[in-house]
Amino acid sequence: MDTQHIRILAADDWPLYRDLRLASLADSPQAFGSTHREESQRRDSDWIRRLADPDPDRELPLVVEVEGRGAGLAWGRITAEAPDTAALYQVWVHPAHRGRGAGQLLLATFTEWARLKGAHRLVLDVTVADSPAMALYHRAGFRPIGPTRPLRPGSEHRCQPMCRELERPVE
C-alpha cells in the first residue's frame, strides 16, 4: 500500500498548492464555490500570498502526499468571530488516490487541529449528491444543518451545510 502523509503547506509550497487547487477545480467543477476559470487567472503573487498570510492559530492549509507527491488538499479555518467553530474548505483527493483513506486522514487531521484550538463544532458545505464526499462526511459524523443553497451564483447545483459537534473535554 502507498504511504500517505499529511503536512501543513508552507509558504514555499505555493506551486504545489496552486497545482492541486487547479487540479481539484478541473476534476470536480461542481464541488466548489469557485471555478477553474476564476482561479487559473490568479497571478503567482496571489498564490504566494495565500500561503504566506495564514495565521497558524486560525488557518490550516493541508496537503496529503502519497509516496512524496501531492495527492489532495484541505483548508481549515477558525475565525475570531466564531472561535468555537472550525470550517473546512477545499477538500479534494486526486482520483487515483480515492478510496484509500486520504480523505479520512485529512478529516482526522483537521478535527484534531480544531480540538487543539478549542473548537467545539466543525462545519462544511458539500454539493448535494449521492457522492463519495457526502458519504465520507456522513461517516465522519457530519449532519445536515439548515436549507440547501446554490453552489455559486448561477449554478443549478446546490450545496448542503453540514455540522459535527465535538465532544467537550471533561474538566
N, C-alpha and C. Protein backbone atom coordinates (compact mmCIF):
# COMPACT_ATOMS: atom_id res chain seq x y z
N MET A 1 0.83 -1.18 0.00
CA MET A 1 0.00 0.00 0.00
C MET A 1 0.88 1.25 0.00
N ASP A 2 0.42 2.28 -0.67
CA ASP A 2 1.16 3.53 -0.76
C ASP A 2 1.21 4.21 0.60
N THR A 3 2.32 4.85 0.89
CA THR A 3 2.49 5.58 2.14
C THR A 3 1.86 6.96 2.00
N GLN A 4 0.91 7.27 2.88
CA GLN A 4 0.25 8.57 2.88
C GLN A 4 0.78 9.39 4.05
N HIS A 5 0.96 10.66 3.78
CA HIS A 5 1.50 11.57 4.80
C HIS A 5 0.76 12.89 4.69
N ILE A 6 0.36 13.44 5.82
CA ILE A 6 -0.30 14.75 5.85
C ILE A 6 0.69 15.75 6.43
N ARG A 7 0.70 16.94 5.81
CA ARG A 7 1.52 18.01 6.38
C ARG A 7 0.86 19.35 6.09
N ILE A 8 1.29 20.34 6.85
CA ILE A 8 0.81 21.70 6.65
C ILE A 8 1.61 22.31 5.51
N LEU A 9 0.90 22.95 4.59
CA LEU A 9 1.57 23.63 3.49
C LEU A 9 2.34 24.83 4.01
N ALA A 10 3.59 24.95 3.60
CA ALA A 10 4.42 26.09 3.96
C ALA A 10 4.36 27.13 2.85
N ALA A 11 4.84 28.33 3.13
CA ALA A 11 4.78 29.42 2.15
C ALA A 11 5.44 29.04 0.83
N ASP A 12 6.54 28.32 0.88
CA ASP A 12 7.22 27.97 -0.37
C ASP A 12 6.59 26.79 -1.10
N ASP A 13 5.50 26.26 -0.56
CA ASP A 13 4.73 25.20 -1.24
C ASP A 13 3.70 25.76 -2.20
N TRP A 14 3.72 27.07 -2.45
CA TRP A 14 2.66 27.66 -3.26
C TRP A 14 2.50 27.00 -4.64
N PRO A 15 3.58 26.57 -5.34
CA PRO A 15 3.34 25.90 -6.63
C PRO A 15 2.56 24.59 -6.48
N LEU A 16 2.87 23.84 -5.43
CA LEU A 16 2.15 22.60 -5.15
C LEU A 16 0.69 22.90 -4.84
N TYR A 17 0.45 23.88 -3.97
CA TYR A 17 -0.92 24.27 -3.64
C TYR A 17 -1.67 24.71 -4.89
N ARG A 18 -1.06 25.57 -5.68
CA ARG A 18 -1.69 26.05 -6.92
C ARG A 18 -2.06 24.88 -7.82
N ASP A 19 -1.12 23.98 -8.04
CA ASP A 19 -1.35 22.86 -8.95
C ASP A 19 -2.46 21.94 -8.43
N LEU A 20 -2.47 21.65 -7.14
CA LEU A 20 -3.52 20.81 -6.57
C LEU A 20 -4.88 21.51 -6.59
N ARG A 21 -4.88 22.78 -6.27
CA ARG A 21 -6.15 23.53 -6.28
C ARG A 21 -6.73 23.58 -7.69
N LEU A 22 -5.91 23.87 -8.68
CA LEU A 22 -6.41 23.90 -10.06
C LEU A 22 -6.84 22.52 -10.53
N ALA A 23 -6.10 21.48 -10.12
CA ALA A 23 -6.49 20.12 -10.48
C ALA A 23 -7.84 19.76 -9.86
N SER A 24 -8.06 20.19 -8.62
CA SER A 24 -9.34 19.90 -7.96
C SER A 24 -10.50 20.57 -8.68
N LEU A 25 -10.30 21.80 -9.09
CA LEU A 25 -11.37 22.54 -9.78
C LEU A 25 -11.64 21.98 -11.17
N ALA A 26 -10.60 21.48 -11.84
CA ALA A 26 -10.79 20.86 -13.16
C ALA A 26 -11.45 19.50 -13.03
N ASP A 27 -11.06 18.73 -12.01
CA ASP A 27 -11.59 17.39 -11.81
C ASP A 27 -13.03 17.39 -11.29
N SER A 28 -13.33 18.30 -10.38
CA SER A 28 -14.63 18.31 -9.69
C SER A 28 -15.25 19.70 -9.73
N PRO A 29 -15.61 20.19 -10.92
CA PRO A 29 -16.09 21.57 -11.03
C PRO A 29 -17.37 21.86 -10.25
N GLN A 30 -18.17 20.84 -9.97
CA GLN A 30 -19.41 21.08 -9.25
C GLN A 30 -19.28 20.84 -7.74
N ALA A 31 -18.05 20.78 -7.27
CA ALA A 31 -17.82 20.54 -5.84
C ALA A 31 -17.37 21.78 -5.09
N PHE A 32 -17.10 22.86 -5.81
CA PHE A 32 -16.51 24.03 -5.17
C PHE A 32 -17.23 25.31 -5.54
N GLY A 33 -17.16 26.27 -4.64
CA GLY A 33 -17.78 27.57 -4.88
C GLY A 33 -17.04 28.41 -5.89
N SER A 34 -15.76 28.18 -6.07
CA SER A 34 -15.02 28.92 -7.10
C SER A 34 -14.82 28.00 -8.30
N THR A 35 -14.35 28.57 -9.40
CA THR A 35 -14.20 27.81 -10.63
C THR A 35 -12.75 27.76 -11.09
N HIS A 36 -12.47 26.80 -11.93
CA HIS A 36 -11.13 26.69 -12.51
C HIS A 36 -10.80 27.95 -13.30
N ARG A 37 -11.77 28.46 -14.01
CA ARG A 37 -11.54 29.68 -14.80
C ARG A 37 -11.12 30.85 -13.91
N GLU A 38 -11.84 31.04 -12.81
CA GLU A 38 -11.51 32.14 -11.88
C GLU A 38 -10.11 31.95 -11.28
N GLU A 39 -9.87 30.77 -10.76
CA GLU A 39 -8.62 30.53 -10.03
C GLU A 39 -7.41 30.46 -10.96
N SER A 40 -7.59 29.98 -12.19
CA SER A 40 -6.45 29.88 -13.10
C SER A 40 -5.98 31.25 -13.59
N GLN A 41 -6.78 32.28 -13.37
CA GLN A 41 -6.38 33.63 -13.76
C GLN A 41 -5.56 34.33 -12.68
N ARG A 42 -5.39 33.70 -11.55
CA ARG A 42 -4.59 34.29 -10.47
C ARG A 42 -3.12 34.34 -10.87
N ARG A 43 -2.47 35.39 -10.44
CA ARG A 43 -1.03 35.52 -10.66
C ARG A 43 -0.28 34.71 -9.60
N ASP A 44 0.98 34.43 -9.88
CA ASP A 44 1.80 33.71 -8.90
C ASP A 44 1.80 34.44 -7.56
N SER A 45 1.83 35.76 -7.60
CA SER A 45 1.85 36.53 -6.35
C SER A 45 0.59 36.29 -5.52
N ASP A 46 -0.54 36.02 -6.16
CA ASP A 46 -1.77 35.70 -5.43
C ASP A 46 -1.64 34.37 -4.70
N TRP A 47 -1.08 33.38 -5.38
CA TRP A 47 -0.90 32.07 -4.76
C TRP A 47 0.13 32.16 -3.62
N ILE A 48 1.18 32.92 -3.85
CA ILE A 48 2.20 33.10 -2.81
C ILE A 48 1.57 33.75 -1.57
N ARG A 49 0.77 34.77 -1.78
CA ARG A 49 0.13 35.48 -0.68
C ARG A 49 -0.81 34.57 0.12
N ARG A 50 -1.53 33.69 -0.57
CA ARG A 50 -2.44 32.79 0.14
C ARG A 50 -1.72 31.96 1.19
N LEU A 51 -0.55 31.45 0.84
CA LEU A 51 0.18 30.61 1.79
C LEU A 51 1.11 31.40 2.70
N ALA A 52 1.39 32.64 2.37
CA ALA A 52 2.25 33.46 3.22
C ALA A 52 1.45 34.08 4.36
N ASP A 53 0.16 34.30 4.14
CA ASP A 53 -0.66 35.04 5.10
C ASP A 53 -1.36 34.23 6.19
N PRO A 54 -1.55 32.93 6.04
CA PRO A 54 -2.36 32.24 7.06
C PRO A 54 -1.81 32.39 8.47
N ASP A 55 -2.70 32.71 9.39
CA ASP A 55 -2.38 32.75 10.82
C ASP A 55 -2.44 31.30 11.31
N PRO A 56 -1.32 30.74 11.79
CA PRO A 56 -1.32 29.33 12.18
C PRO A 56 -2.29 28.99 13.30
N ASP A 57 -2.74 30.00 14.05
CA ASP A 57 -3.74 29.74 15.08
C ASP A 57 -5.16 29.75 14.52
N ARG A 58 -5.32 30.23 13.29
CA ARG A 58 -6.65 30.37 12.71
C ARG A 58 -6.85 29.61 11.39
N GLU A 59 -5.75 29.23 10.73
CA GLU A 59 -5.88 28.56 9.43
C GLU A 59 -4.97 27.35 9.33
N LEU A 60 -5.45 26.34 8.62
CA LEU A 60 -4.72 25.09 8.48
C LEU A 60 -4.76 24.63 7.02
N PRO A 61 -3.77 25.03 6.22
CA PRO A 61 -3.70 24.54 4.84
C PRO A 61 -2.96 23.19 4.80
N LEU A 62 -3.66 22.15 4.41
CA LEU A 62 -3.11 20.80 4.44
C LEU A 62 -2.90 20.23 3.05
N VAL A 63 -1.89 19.38 2.95
CA VAL A 63 -1.68 18.57 1.75
C VAL A 63 -1.52 17.13 2.21
N VAL A 64 -2.10 16.21 1.45
CA VAL A 64 -1.83 14.79 1.65
C VAL A 64 -0.89 14.38 0.53
N GLU A 65 0.18 13.72 0.93
CA GLU A 65 1.16 13.25 -0.04
C GLU A 65 1.18 11.73 -0.04
N VAL A 66 1.32 11.17 -1.22
CA VAL A 66 1.46 9.73 -1.38
C VAL A 66 2.78 9.50 -2.08
N GLU A 67 3.64 8.74 -1.41
CA GLU A 67 4.98 8.50 -1.95
C GLU A 67 5.67 9.81 -2.30
N GLY A 68 5.47 10.85 -1.46
CA GLY A 68 6.14 12.12 -1.62
C GLY A 68 5.54 13.08 -2.64
N ARG A 69 4.41 12.71 -3.24
CA ARG A 69 3.79 13.59 -4.25
C ARG A 69 2.41 14.03 -3.78
N GLY A 70 2.06 15.27 -4.08
CA GLY A 70 0.77 15.81 -3.68
C GLY A 70 -0.39 15.01 -4.25
N ALA A 71 -1.30 14.60 -3.38
CA ALA A 71 -2.43 13.77 -3.81
C ALA A 71 -3.77 14.34 -3.35
N GLY A 72 -3.76 15.42 -2.59
CA GLY A 72 -5.00 16.01 -2.11
C GLY A 72 -4.73 17.18 -1.20
N LEU A 73 -5.80 17.88 -0.88
CA LEU A 73 -5.66 19.04 -0.01
C LEU A 73 -6.94 19.33 0.75
N ALA A 74 -6.81 20.19 1.74
CA ALA A 74 -7.94 20.70 2.52
C ALA A 74 -7.47 21.97 3.22
N TRP A 75 -8.40 22.82 3.58
CA TRP A 75 -8.07 24.07 4.27
C TRP A 75 -9.06 24.25 5.41
N GLY A 76 -8.53 24.35 6.63
CA GLY A 76 -9.36 24.61 7.80
C GLY A 76 -9.22 26.05 8.24
N ARG A 77 -10.28 26.57 8.84
CA ARG A 77 -10.25 27.97 9.28
C ARG A 77 -11.13 28.13 10.52
N ILE A 78 -10.63 28.93 11.46
CA ILE A 78 -11.39 29.37 12.63
C ILE A 78 -11.33 30.89 12.62
N THR A 79 -12.47 31.53 12.67
CA THR A 79 -12.49 32.99 12.65
C THR A 79 -12.56 33.54 14.06
N ALA A 80 -12.11 34.78 14.22
CA ALA A 80 -12.19 35.45 15.52
C ALA A 80 -13.64 35.64 15.95
N GLU A 81 -14.54 35.77 14.97
CA GLU A 81 -15.96 35.98 15.28
C GLU A 81 -16.63 34.72 15.80
N ALA A 82 -16.10 33.55 15.46
CA ALA A 82 -16.68 32.28 15.91
C ALA A 82 -15.56 31.33 16.33
N PRO A 83 -14.88 31.62 17.45
CA PRO A 83 -13.71 30.83 17.83
C PRO A 83 -14.02 29.39 18.23
N ASP A 84 -15.29 29.08 18.44
CA ASP A 84 -15.64 27.71 18.81
C ASP A 84 -16.03 26.86 17.60
N THR A 85 -15.93 27.43 16.38
CA THR A 85 -16.35 26.73 15.16
C THR A 85 -15.19 26.70 14.17
N ALA A 86 -14.87 25.51 13.70
CA ALA A 86 -13.84 25.33 12.68
C ALA A 86 -14.52 24.94 11.37
N ALA A 87 -14.21 25.68 10.31
CA ALA A 87 -14.79 25.43 8.99
C ALA A 87 -13.77 24.73 8.10
N LEU A 88 -14.27 23.82 7.30
CA LEU A 88 -13.42 23.06 6.39
C LEU A 88 -13.77 23.41 4.95
N TYR A 89 -12.74 23.68 4.14
CA TYR A 89 -12.90 24.09 2.75
C TYR A 89 -11.95 23.29 1.86
N GLN A 90 -12.20 23.36 0.57
CA GLN A 90 -11.27 22.90 -0.47
C GLN A 90 -10.85 21.44 -0.35
N VAL A 91 -11.66 20.59 0.24
CA VAL A 91 -11.28 19.19 0.39
C VAL A 91 -11.33 18.50 -0.97
N TRP A 92 -10.22 17.87 -1.31
CA TRP A 92 -10.16 17.14 -2.58
C TRP A 92 -9.04 16.12 -2.51
N VAL A 93 -9.29 14.96 -3.11
CA VAL A 93 -8.29 13.91 -3.25
C VAL A 93 -8.24 13.52 -4.72
N HIS A 94 -7.05 13.40 -5.26
CA HIS A 94 -6.85 13.02 -6.66
C HIS A 94 -7.57 11.69 -6.92
N PRO A 95 -8.23 11.56 -8.07
CA PRO A 95 -8.98 10.33 -8.36
C PRO A 95 -8.16 9.04 -8.21
N ALA A 96 -6.88 9.08 -8.52
CA ALA A 96 -6.04 7.88 -8.41
C ALA A 96 -5.83 7.44 -6.96
N HIS A 97 -6.14 8.32 -6.01
CA HIS A 97 -5.89 8.01 -4.60
C HIS A 97 -7.18 7.93 -3.77
N ARG A 98 -8.31 8.04 -4.41
CA ARG A 98 -9.58 7.97 -3.68
C ARG A 98 -9.85 6.54 -3.21
N GLY A 99 -10.57 6.45 -2.10
CA GLY A 99 -10.93 5.15 -1.57
C GLY A 99 -9.80 4.46 -0.82
N ARG A 100 -8.74 5.19 -0.52
CA ARG A 100 -7.59 4.61 0.17
C ARG A 100 -7.33 5.28 1.52
N GLY A 101 -8.28 6.10 1.97
CA GLY A 101 -8.15 6.70 3.29
C GLY A 101 -7.59 8.11 3.34
N ALA A 102 -7.24 8.69 2.19
CA ALA A 102 -6.67 10.05 2.20
C ALA A 102 -7.68 11.06 2.71
N GLY A 103 -8.92 10.96 2.29
CA GLY A 103 -9.96 11.88 2.77
C GLY A 103 -10.17 11.75 4.26
N GLN A 104 -10.18 10.53 4.76
CA GLN A 104 -10.33 10.32 6.20
C GLN A 104 -9.15 10.90 6.97
N LEU A 105 -7.96 10.77 6.39
CA LEU A 105 -6.77 11.32 7.03
C LEU A 105 -6.82 12.85 7.08
N LEU A 106 -7.27 13.47 6.01
CA LEU A 106 -7.44 14.93 6.01
C LEU A 106 -8.45 15.35 7.07
N LEU A 107 -9.59 14.65 7.12
CA LEU A 107 -10.62 14.98 8.12
C LEU A 107 -10.11 14.78 9.54
N ALA A 108 -9.40 13.70 9.79
CA ALA A 108 -8.89 13.43 11.13
C ALA A 108 -7.88 14.50 11.56
N THR A 109 -7.03 14.92 10.64
CA THR A 109 -6.03 15.95 10.95
C THR A 109 -6.73 17.28 11.24
N PHE A 110 -7.69 17.64 10.42
CA PHE A 110 -8.47 18.86 10.64
C PHE A 110 -9.19 18.81 11.98
N THR A 111 -9.82 17.68 12.29
CA THR A 111 -10.57 17.54 13.53
C THR A 111 -9.67 17.69 14.75
N GLU A 112 -8.51 17.06 14.71
CA GLU A 112 -7.58 17.16 15.84
C GLU A 112 -7.09 18.59 16.01
N TRP A 113 -6.76 19.26 14.91
CA TRP A 113 -6.35 20.66 14.96
C TRP A 113 -7.45 21.51 15.59
N ALA A 114 -8.68 21.31 15.15
CA ALA A 114 -9.81 22.08 15.67
C ALA A 114 -9.96 21.87 17.18
N ARG A 115 -9.85 20.62 17.62
CA ARG A 115 -9.93 20.33 19.07
C ARG A 115 -8.84 21.08 19.83
N LEU A 116 -7.62 21.01 19.32
CA LEU A 116 -6.50 21.67 20.00
C LEU A 116 -6.68 23.18 20.06
N LYS A 117 -7.39 23.74 19.09
CA LYS A 117 -7.63 25.19 19.05
C LYS A 117 -8.88 25.57 19.86
N GLY A 118 -9.55 24.60 20.47
CA GLY A 118 -10.69 24.89 21.32
C GLY A 118 -12.03 24.92 20.61
N ALA A 119 -12.08 24.47 19.36
CA ALA A 119 -13.36 24.44 18.64
C ALA A 119 -14.24 23.32 19.19
N HIS A 120 -15.54 23.55 19.20
CA HIS A 120 -16.50 22.55 19.66
C HIS A 120 -17.42 22.10 18.53
N ARG A 121 -17.20 22.71 17.37
CA ARG A 121 -18.11 22.45 16.26
C ARG A 121 -17.33 22.54 14.95
N LEU A 122 -17.58 21.59 14.05
CA LEU A 122 -16.98 21.59 12.72
C LEU A 122 -18.09 21.84 11.70
N VAL A 123 -17.81 22.66 10.71
CA VAL A 123 -18.80 22.93 9.67
C VAL A 123 -18.14 22.84 8.29
N LEU A 124 -18.96 22.54 7.31
CA LEU A 124 -18.53 22.48 5.92
C LEU A 124 -19.76 22.55 5.04
N ASP A 125 -19.53 22.78 3.75
CA ASP A 125 -20.58 22.70 2.74
C ASP A 125 -20.19 21.61 1.77
N VAL A 126 -21.16 20.85 1.31
CA VAL A 126 -20.91 19.79 0.33
C VAL A 126 -22.02 19.84 -0.72
N THR A 127 -21.65 19.59 -1.97
CA THR A 127 -22.63 19.56 -3.04
C THR A 127 -23.63 18.46 -2.77
N VAL A 128 -24.91 18.77 -2.95
CA VAL A 128 -25.98 17.79 -2.73
C VAL A 128 -25.91 16.75 -3.84
N ALA A 129 -25.52 15.55 -3.47
CA ALA A 129 -25.41 14.44 -4.42
C ALA A 129 -25.13 13.17 -3.64
N ASP A 130 -25.40 12.05 -4.27
CA ASP A 130 -25.01 10.77 -3.71
C ASP A 130 -23.57 10.55 -4.14
N SER A 131 -22.64 11.12 -3.38
CA SER A 131 -21.24 11.17 -3.79
C SER A 131 -20.34 10.58 -2.71
N PRO A 132 -19.11 10.22 -3.10
CA PRO A 132 -18.15 9.78 -2.09
C PRO A 132 -17.89 10.85 -1.02
N ALA A 133 -17.90 12.12 -1.41
CA ALA A 133 -17.68 13.19 -0.42
C ALA A 133 -18.81 13.20 0.61
N MET A 134 -20.04 13.13 0.15
CA MET A 134 -21.18 13.12 1.07
C MET A 134 -21.09 11.91 2.00
N ALA A 135 -20.74 10.75 1.45
CA ALA A 135 -20.62 9.54 2.27
C ALA A 135 -19.50 9.69 3.30
N LEU A 136 -18.37 10.27 2.89
CA LEU A 136 -17.25 10.50 3.80
C LEU A 136 -17.69 11.37 4.98
N TYR A 137 -18.37 12.45 4.70
CA TYR A 137 -18.79 13.36 5.77
C TYR A 137 -19.82 12.72 6.69
N HIS A 138 -20.75 11.95 6.13
CA HIS A 138 -21.72 11.24 6.97
C HIS A 138 -21.01 10.24 7.89
N ARG A 139 -20.07 9.48 7.32
CA ARG A 139 -19.33 8.50 8.14
C ARG A 139 -18.55 9.20 9.25
N ALA A 140 -18.10 10.42 9.00
CA ALA A 140 -17.31 11.17 10.00
C ALA A 140 -18.20 11.86 11.03
N GLY A 141 -19.51 11.71 10.92
CA GLY A 141 -20.42 12.26 11.92
C GLY A 141 -21.03 13.61 11.57
N PHE A 142 -20.82 14.10 10.36
CA PHE A 142 -21.44 15.37 9.96
C PHE A 142 -22.91 15.13 9.63
N ARG A 143 -23.73 16.11 10.00
CA ARG A 143 -25.17 16.04 9.73
C ARG A 143 -25.61 17.34 9.07
N PRO A 144 -26.61 17.26 8.18
CA PRO A 144 -27.10 18.48 7.52
C PRO A 144 -27.66 19.48 8.54
N ILE A 145 -27.40 20.75 8.26
CA ILE A 145 -28.00 21.83 9.06
C ILE A 145 -28.53 22.87 8.09
N GLY A 146 -29.69 23.33 8.33
CA GLY A 146 -30.25 24.40 7.51
C GLY A 146 -30.58 23.96 6.09
N PRO A 147 -31.16 24.88 5.33
CA PRO A 147 -31.56 24.57 3.96
C PRO A 147 -30.37 24.54 3.00
N THR A 148 -30.56 23.89 1.87
CA THR A 148 -29.53 23.93 0.83
C THR A 148 -29.56 25.31 0.18
N ARG A 149 -28.49 25.61 -0.55
CA ARG A 149 -28.42 26.89 -1.26
C ARG A 149 -27.63 26.67 -2.55
N PRO A 150 -27.70 27.62 -3.48
CA PRO A 150 -26.93 27.46 -4.72
C PRO A 150 -25.44 27.32 -4.42
N LEU A 151 -24.78 26.47 -5.18
CA LEU A 151 -23.34 26.27 -5.02
C LEU A 151 -22.59 27.58 -5.22
N ARG A 152 -22.98 28.32 -6.24
CA ARG A 152 -22.43 29.64 -6.54
C ARG A 152 -23.46 30.36 -7.40
N PRO A 153 -23.37 31.65 -7.54
CA PRO A 153 -24.35 32.38 -8.35
C PRO A 153 -24.48 31.78 -9.76
N GLY A 154 -25.71 31.52 -10.17
CA GLY A 154 -25.98 30.99 -11.50
C GLY A 154 -25.87 29.48 -11.62
N SER A 155 -25.47 28.79 -10.55
CA SER A 155 -25.31 27.34 -10.61
C SER A 155 -26.63 26.64 -10.36
N GLU A 156 -26.87 25.57 -11.10
CA GLU A 156 -28.05 24.74 -10.85
C GLU A 156 -27.80 23.75 -9.72
N HIS A 157 -26.53 23.58 -9.34
CA HIS A 157 -26.18 22.67 -8.26
C HIS A 157 -26.38 23.36 -6.91
N ARG A 158 -26.69 22.54 -5.91
CA ARG A 158 -26.95 23.07 -4.59
C ARG A 158 -25.94 22.47 -3.62
N CYS A 159 -25.67 23.23 -2.57
CA CYS A 159 -24.78 22.71 -1.53
C CYS A 159 -25.54 22.64 -0.21
N GLN A 160 -25.12 21.71 0.60
CA GLN A 160 -25.74 21.46 1.90
C GLN A 160 -24.75 21.82 3.00
N PRO A 161 -25.10 22.77 3.86
CA PRO A 161 -24.26 22.99 5.04
C PRO A 161 -24.36 21.78 5.97
N MET A 162 -23.24 21.39 6.55
CA MET A 162 -23.21 20.26 7.47
C MET A 162 -22.41 20.65 8.71
N CYS A 163 -22.70 19.94 9.79
CA CYS A 163 -22.06 20.25 11.07
C CYS A 163 -21.76 18.95 11.82
N ARG A 164 -20.71 18.99 12.59
CA ARG A 164 -20.40 17.93 13.53
C ARG A 164 -20.02 18.58 14.85
N GLU A 165 -20.71 18.20 15.89
CA GLU A 165 -20.38 18.70 17.22
C GLU A 165 -19.25 17.85 17.79
N LEU A 166 -18.27 18.50 18.39
CA LEU A 166 -17.18 17.78 19.04
C LEU A 166 -17.48 17.65 20.51
N GLU A 167 -17.10 16.53 21.07
CA GLU A 167 -17.29 16.35 22.50
C GLU A 167 -16.38 17.33 23.24
N ARG A 168 -16.95 17.94 24.24
CA ARG A 168 -16.15 18.87 25.05
C ARG A 168 -15.37 18.06 26.08
N PRO A 169 -14.12 18.45 26.31
CA PRO A 169 -13.32 17.72 27.29
C PRO A 169 -13.93 17.80 28.69
N VAL A 170 -13.79 16.73 29.41
CA VAL A 170 -14.27 16.70 30.79
C VAL A 170 -13.26 17.47 31.65
N GLU A 171 -13.78 18.39 32.45
CA GLU A 171 -12.88 19.20 33.29
C GLU A 171 -12.85 18.72 34.70
